[in-house]
Every structure is written in C-alpha cells, then in structure tokens.
Amino acid sequence: MSKHSHKPIDNEAPPAGQNPGGTQDPQVNAGDGRELPTGQQGENVSETGGKSQDAPVPKTPAEKIAALEAELTDKELKTAELARDFEAKLADLNDQYLRKAADFENFRKRMIREKQEITDFANQNLLLDLLPVIDDFERAIKSAETSNDFASFFKGVSMIEKQLSTQLENKWGLKRFDSEGQPFDPNRHEAIQVEKSPELSEAVVKEDYLKGYFLKDRVLRFAKVKVIMPEKGD
C-alpha cells in the first residue's frame, strides 16, 4: 500500500439547478427542474393565472382631438334633431291654440247673440196672450161705430177687461189689489194726497187714484192713493 491514500471519486450528480462548481444555472427552474427556453427567462408564467395582459397604448394628441371632434359632431346632430322635433311640436301646439281661440271666439259671439235673442223674445208668450185681447178691443170698437149703442159697448169693454185681468192673474201671477178703506201701508201705497181727521186713530186709504199690482208675492207697482191721517190734539 502506498503512503498516499487516494480519495474515492464522488460520482453523485450535483443537486438540480446547480452547476458542478456550486453556482445556480439560470436556465433551470428551481421549482420543477425543467429548463426554460432561451428568451423567456424573464417572463412570469403561471399555470393558474396565465400570461399577464399588455397595458393599452395611450392615444396621441391628434387621435384625442379626432375623437373629441367626432363626439362633438354626433352631439351637434342630435341637438339639431331635437331642435327640429321641438319646432314641429311647437308649431302643432300653436296651431291647436289658434283653433281653440277661434272656437272660443265663435262660442262667445254665439252666446251673446243667443242672450240678446232671449232678451228680445222673453215676453213672446205674454204678447201672444195679449193678441186675442187686442182683437176683442178692435171688434168692440167696430161694433160701437155701427150700432152707436153705448151700453153694449160698455158691456163689451168690461168683459174684455175682466177676461184680460183673469188671464194675467192665472197664467202670469199678475194680481191687482184694492186699497180703498185699507190701512195705509208704505210698502204698498204711495200717498199723493193727504187729509187729516180727528176721528181716526191711524192712517187709512180713502181713495185709489191708480191701482196697485202684485207680481206673484212682490209688489210690482205701488198704488197711488189719497190718505186720511189722524189729527193729533194740541
């Protein structure tokens, strides 16, 4: 045996990812021992996430201006369309207003005309009732011209007056009231002559100069009367 002992040769392979000299091989993945292809050593690869997305390329000023101009043009077109729609609706509303105004003016004129007609012909029925009375007066006058009979004429006129008074009272509510001998009532009588008497204790109507009339329950015309007033002692 030699004096110098020989060390056995270590045939074991170095650990994965490490060169024999002890340095890490940059092309070896420390995780699974697979080598990465050249040119992909700096990329981050993940089985779960995959390769990361590239960031969008920023637009140049010219592209931004062009985009703004296109957006402005689109808004101008929409504004013009809205303006046309608004003008069309405004014209339609104005047309409707003019039509309504014309209809209202026609309605107002028609109401004025009808009101005037009602006023003009309000007494039509009353006048129709008076026409037969006028006819009777005409016949009585003609009869008196030929006969010269005053008694017959007076009787005929009295009948006509009674017929007219009855018709006006029954159909129109016009009623004549007598005042002679009644207590004086300033709500019904108008004194146009006054006498004094010591025999009376209250004012009394002595004579009717003009008859008074009621229209239903309201005094239509005051009676014009002569009144006797009590004479007060000294």
Protein backbone atom coordinates (compact mmCIF):
# COMPACT_ATOMS: atom_id res chain seq x y z
CA MET A 1 0.00 0.00 0.00
CA SER A 2 1.18 3.43 -0.94
CA LYS A 3 1.78 6.04 1.60
CA HIS A 4 -0.62 8.38 -0.09
CA SER A 5 -4.21 7.24 0.25
CA HIS A 6 -6.47 8.01 -2.67
CA LYS A 7 -9.99 9.56 -2.00
CA PRO A 8 -12.77 7.79 -3.80
CA ILE A 9 -14.25 9.71 -6.75
CA ASP A 10 -17.65 11.14 -5.95
CA ASN A 11 -19.81 10.09 -8.86
CA GLU A 12 -23.07 11.58 -7.43
CA ALA A 13 -24.68 14.26 -9.62
CA PRO A 14 -24.90 17.77 -8.23
CA PRO A 15 -28.28 18.96 -6.98
CA ALA A 16 -30.77 20.01 -9.59
CA GLY A 17 -30.33 23.56 -10.67
CA GLN A 18 -26.75 23.79 -9.52
CA ASN A 19 -23.66 23.53 -11.57
CA PRO A 20 -20.83 21.35 -10.51
CA GLY A 21 -19.00 24.41 -9.43
CA GLY A 22 -21.79 25.30 -6.95
CA THR A 23 -23.44 28.03 -8.96
CA GLN A 24 -27.20 28.07 -9.93
CA ASP A 25 -27.94 27.53 -13.59
CA PRO A 26 -30.04 30.46 -14.74
CA GLN A 27 -31.85 28.30 -17.30
CA VAL A 28 -33.13 25.81 -14.74
CA ASN A 29 -36.45 26.35 -12.94
CA ALA A 30 -35.86 25.81 -9.22
CA GLY A 31 -39.42 24.59 -8.84
CA ASP A 32 -39.64 21.58 -11.12
CA GLY A 33 -36.15 21.25 -12.51
CA ARG A 34 -37.29 21.99 -16.12
CA GLU A 35 -35.19 24.27 -18.20
CA LEU A 36 -36.72 27.46 -19.57
CA PRO A 37 -36.33 28.17 -23.24
CA THR A 38 -33.88 30.85 -24.09
CA GLY A 39 -35.57 34.30 -24.43
CA GLN A 40 -38.32 33.54 -21.89
CA GLN A 41 -36.24 33.66 -18.73
CA GLY A 42 -37.78 36.99 -17.53
CA GLU A 43 -41.43 36.18 -18.18
CA ASN A 44 -43.81 35.39 -15.29
CA VAL A 45 -45.62 32.20 -16.22
CA SER A 46 -48.36 30.74 -14.03
CA GLU A 47 -50.45 27.68 -14.56
CA THR A 48 -53.43 29.31 -12.78
CA GLY A 49 -53.18 32.94 -13.91
CA GLY A 50 -51.66 32.58 -17.32
CA LYS A 51 -49.68 35.29 -19.06
CA SER A 52 -50.35 38.90 -17.90
CA GLN A 53 -52.20 41.31 -20.33
CA ASP A 54 -50.32 44.08 -22.03
CA ALA A 55 -51.26 47.70 -20.94
CA PRO A 56 -53.27 49.77 -23.56
CA VAL A 57 -51.21 52.02 -25.71
CA PRO A 58 -52.00 55.67 -24.89
CA LYS A 59 -53.58 57.76 -27.67
CA THR A 60 -51.67 60.53 -29.33
CA PRO A 61 -52.94 64.15 -29.08
CA ALA A 62 -54.11 64.02 -32.69
CA GLU A 63 -56.17 60.90 -32.01
CA LYS A 64 -57.71 62.51 -28.93
CA ILE A 65 -58.65 65.62 -30.89
CA ALA A 66 -60.20 63.49 -33.65
CA ALA A 67 -62.24 61.52 -31.08
CA LEU A 68 -63.48 64.73 -29.45
CA GLU A 69 -64.41 66.20 -32.81
CA ALA A 70 -66.35 63.05 -33.72
CA GLU A 71 -68.18 63.14 -30.38
CA LEU A 72 -68.96 66.86 -30.84
CA THR A 73 -70.30 66.24 -34.35
CA ASP A 74 -72.56 63.46 -33.06
CA LYS A 75 -73.92 65.70 -30.30
CA GLU A 76 -74.50 68.53 -32.78
CA LEU A 77 -76.51 66.17 -34.99
CA LYS A 78 -78.61 65.01 -32.01
CA THR A 79 -79.14 68.64 -30.92
CA ALA A 80 -80.28 69.61 -34.40
CA GLU A 81 -82.69 66.66 -34.47
CA LEU A 82 -84.11 67.62 -31.07
CA ALA A 83 -84.46 71.24 -32.26
CA ARG A 84 -86.42 70.09 -35.33
CA ASP A 85 -88.70 67.94 -33.16
CA PHE A 86 -89.24 70.84 -30.77
CA GLU A 87 -90.08 73.25 -33.58
CA ALA A 88 -92.54 70.77 -35.07
CA LYS A 89 -94.28 70.25 -31.71
CA LEU A 90 -94.31 74.00 -31.09
CA ALA A 91 -95.91 74.63 -34.48
CA ASP A 92 -98.51 71.94 -33.77
CA LEU A 93 -99.32 73.42 -30.35
CA ASN A 94 -99.56 76.91 -31.85
CA ASP A 95 -101.96 75.61 -34.48
CA GLN A 96 -104.08 73.95 -31.79
CA TYR A 97 -104.09 77.17 -29.76
CA LEU A 98 -105.25 79.22 -32.75
CA ARG A 99 -108.03 76.73 -33.44
CA LYS A 100 -109.17 76.76 -29.80
CA ALA A 101 -109.05 80.56 -29.72
CA ALA A 102 -111.18 80.74 -32.87
CA ASP A 103 -113.66 78.20 -31.45
CA PHE A 104 -113.90 80.16 -28.19
CA GLU A 105 -114.48 83.44 -30.06
CA ASN A 106 -117.24 81.84 -32.10
CA PHE A 107 -118.76 80.41 -28.92
CA ARG A 108 -118.63 83.82 -27.22
CA LYS A 109 -120.34 85.53 -30.16
CA ARG A 110 -122.99 82.81 -30.26
CA MET A 111 -123.68 83.23 -26.54
CA ILE A 112 -124.03 87.00 -26.93
CA ARG A 113 -126.40 86.51 -29.86
CA GLU A 114 -128.49 83.92 -28.01
CA LYS A 115 -128.62 86.10 -24.91
CA GLN A 116 -129.85 89.02 -26.97
CA GLU A 117 -132.45 86.81 -28.61
CA ILE A 118 -133.64 85.63 -25.18
CA THR A 119 -133.93 89.25 -24.04
CA ASP A 120 -135.74 90.30 -27.21
CA PHE A 121 -138.21 87.42 -27.14
CA ALA A 122 -138.57 86.91 -23.37
CA ASN A 123 -142.12 88.32 -23.44
CA GLN A 124 -143.15 86.45 -26.56
CA ASN A 125 -145.66 84.21 -24.78
CA LEU A 126 -147.15 87.13 -22.87
CA LEU A 127 -147.60 89.09 -26.07
CA LEU A 128 -149.23 86.10 -27.72
CA ASP A 129 -151.74 86.02 -24.88
CA LEU A 130 -152.45 89.74 -25.37
CA LEU A 131 -153.18 89.47 -29.08
CA PRO A 132 -156.67 87.97 -28.61
CA VAL A 133 -157.48 90.81 -26.20
CA ILE A 134 -156.45 93.36 -28.82
CA ASP A 135 -158.63 91.55 -31.33
CA ASP A 136 -161.58 91.83 -28.91
CA PHE A 137 -160.98 95.55 -28.48
CA GLU A 138 -160.96 96.03 -32.25
CA ARG A 139 -164.23 94.16 -32.65
CA ALA A 140 -165.82 96.17 -29.83
CA ILE A 141 -164.73 99.45 -31.41
CA LYS A 142 -166.09 98.45 -34.84
CA SER A 143 -169.35 97.37 -33.27
CA ALA A 144 -169.71 100.70 -31.48
CA GLU A 145 -169.09 102.58 -34.76
CA THR A 146 -172.01 100.89 -36.49
CA SER A 147 -174.53 100.50 -33.66
CA ASN A 148 -173.85 103.61 -31.57
CA ASP A 149 -175.04 101.55 -28.60
CA PHE A 150 -173.03 102.81 -25.68
CA ALA A 151 -174.46 100.25 -23.24
CA SER A 152 -173.40 97.35 -25.44
CA PHE A 153 -170.00 98.92 -25.98
CA PHE A 154 -169.51 99.45 -22.26
CA LYS A 155 -170.54 95.90 -21.52
CA GLY A 156 -168.19 94.51 -24.15
CA VAL A 157 -165.23 96.54 -22.90
CA SER A 158 -165.92 95.48 -19.31
CA MET A 159 -165.95 91.83 -20.34
CA ILE A 160 -162.64 92.24 -22.19
CA GLU A 161 -161.02 93.92 -19.18
CA LYS A 162 -162.22 91.16 -16.87
CA GLN A 163 -161.03 88.45 -19.24
CA LEU A 164 -157.59 90.08 -19.52
CA SER A 165 -157.20 90.53 -15.75
CA THR A 166 -158.19 86.90 -15.11
CA GLN A 167 -155.77 85.59 -17.73
CA LEU A 168 -152.86 87.68 -16.41
CA GLU A 169 -153.50 86.58 -12.84
CA ASN A 170 -153.97 82.88 -13.53
CA LYS A 171 -151.18 82.44 -16.06
CA TRP A 172 -148.64 85.15 -15.18
CA GLY A 173 -149.20 85.81 -11.48
CA LEU A 174 -150.19 89.47 -12.02
CA LYS A 175 -152.78 90.39 -9.42
CA ARG A 176 -154.42 93.76 -8.85
CA PHE A 177 -155.15 94.77 -5.26
CA ASP A 178 -157.69 97.25 -3.92
CA SER A 179 -156.60 99.78 -1.34
CA GLU A 180 -159.66 101.87 -0.59
CA GLY A 181 -160.68 101.57 3.08
CA GLN A 182 -157.45 99.66 3.93
CA PRO A 183 -154.87 100.86 6.50
CA PHE A 184 -152.14 102.86 4.83
CA ASP A 185 -149.09 100.67 4.17
CA PRO A 186 -145.98 102.44 2.86
CA ASN A 187 -144.79 99.12 1.47
CA ARG A 188 -147.78 99.03 -0.88
CA HIS A 189 -149.16 102.55 -1.12
CA GLU A 190 -147.84 105.84 -2.37
CA ALA A 191 -149.69 108.78 -0.83
CA ILE A 192 -150.17 111.57 -3.37
CA GLN A 193 -152.78 113.42 -1.33
CA VAL A 194 -153.29 113.65 2.44
CA GLU A 195 -156.17 114.81 4.60
CA LYS A 196 -156.47 114.95 8.38
CA SER A 197 -159.35 113.79 10.50
CA PRO A 198 -159.76 113.85 14.30
CA GLU A 199 -161.99 110.79 14.12
CA LEU A 200 -159.25 108.38 13.06
CA SER A 201 -156.56 106.79 15.18
CA GLU A 202 -154.47 105.52 12.22
CA ALA A 203 -153.90 106.44 8.59
CA VAL A 204 -156.46 104.97 6.16
CA VAL A 205 -156.62 104.96 2.37
CA LYS A 206 -159.64 106.97 1.33
CA GLU A 207 -159.40 106.60 -2.46
CA ASP A 208 -157.47 104.73 -5.15
CA TYR A 209 -156.14 107.01 -7.84
CA LEU A 210 -154.19 104.26 -9.52
CA LYS A 211 -154.47 100.60 -8.75
CA GLY A 212 -151.52 98.67 -7.39
CA TYR A 213 -150.35 95.25 -8.63
CA PHE A 214 -148.55 92.22 -7.27
CA LEU A 215 -146.36 90.03 -9.43
CA LYS A 216 -146.68 86.78 -7.54
CA ASP A 217 -145.64 87.81 -3.95
CA ARG A 218 -143.81 91.03 -4.85
CA VAL A 219 -145.27 94.49 -5.31
CA LEU A 220 -144.89 95.29 -8.99
CA ARG A 221 -146.47 98.72 -8.79
CA PHE A 222 -147.40 100.83 -5.77
CA ALA A 223 -150.98 102.05 -5.58
CA LYS A 224 -151.30 105.82 -5.81
CA VAL A 225 -153.82 106.77 -3.14
CA LYS A 226 -155.42 109.52 -1.11
CA VAL A 227 -154.79 109.07 2.62
CA ILE A 228 -156.61 110.34 5.69
CA MET A 229 -154.25 110.91 8.60
CA PRO A 230 -155.33 111.17 12.27
CA GLU A 231 -155.26 114.73 13.54
CA LYS A 232 -153.31 114.97 16.78
CA GLY A 233 -154.69 117.21 19.53
CA ASP A 234 -152.67 120.11 20.96
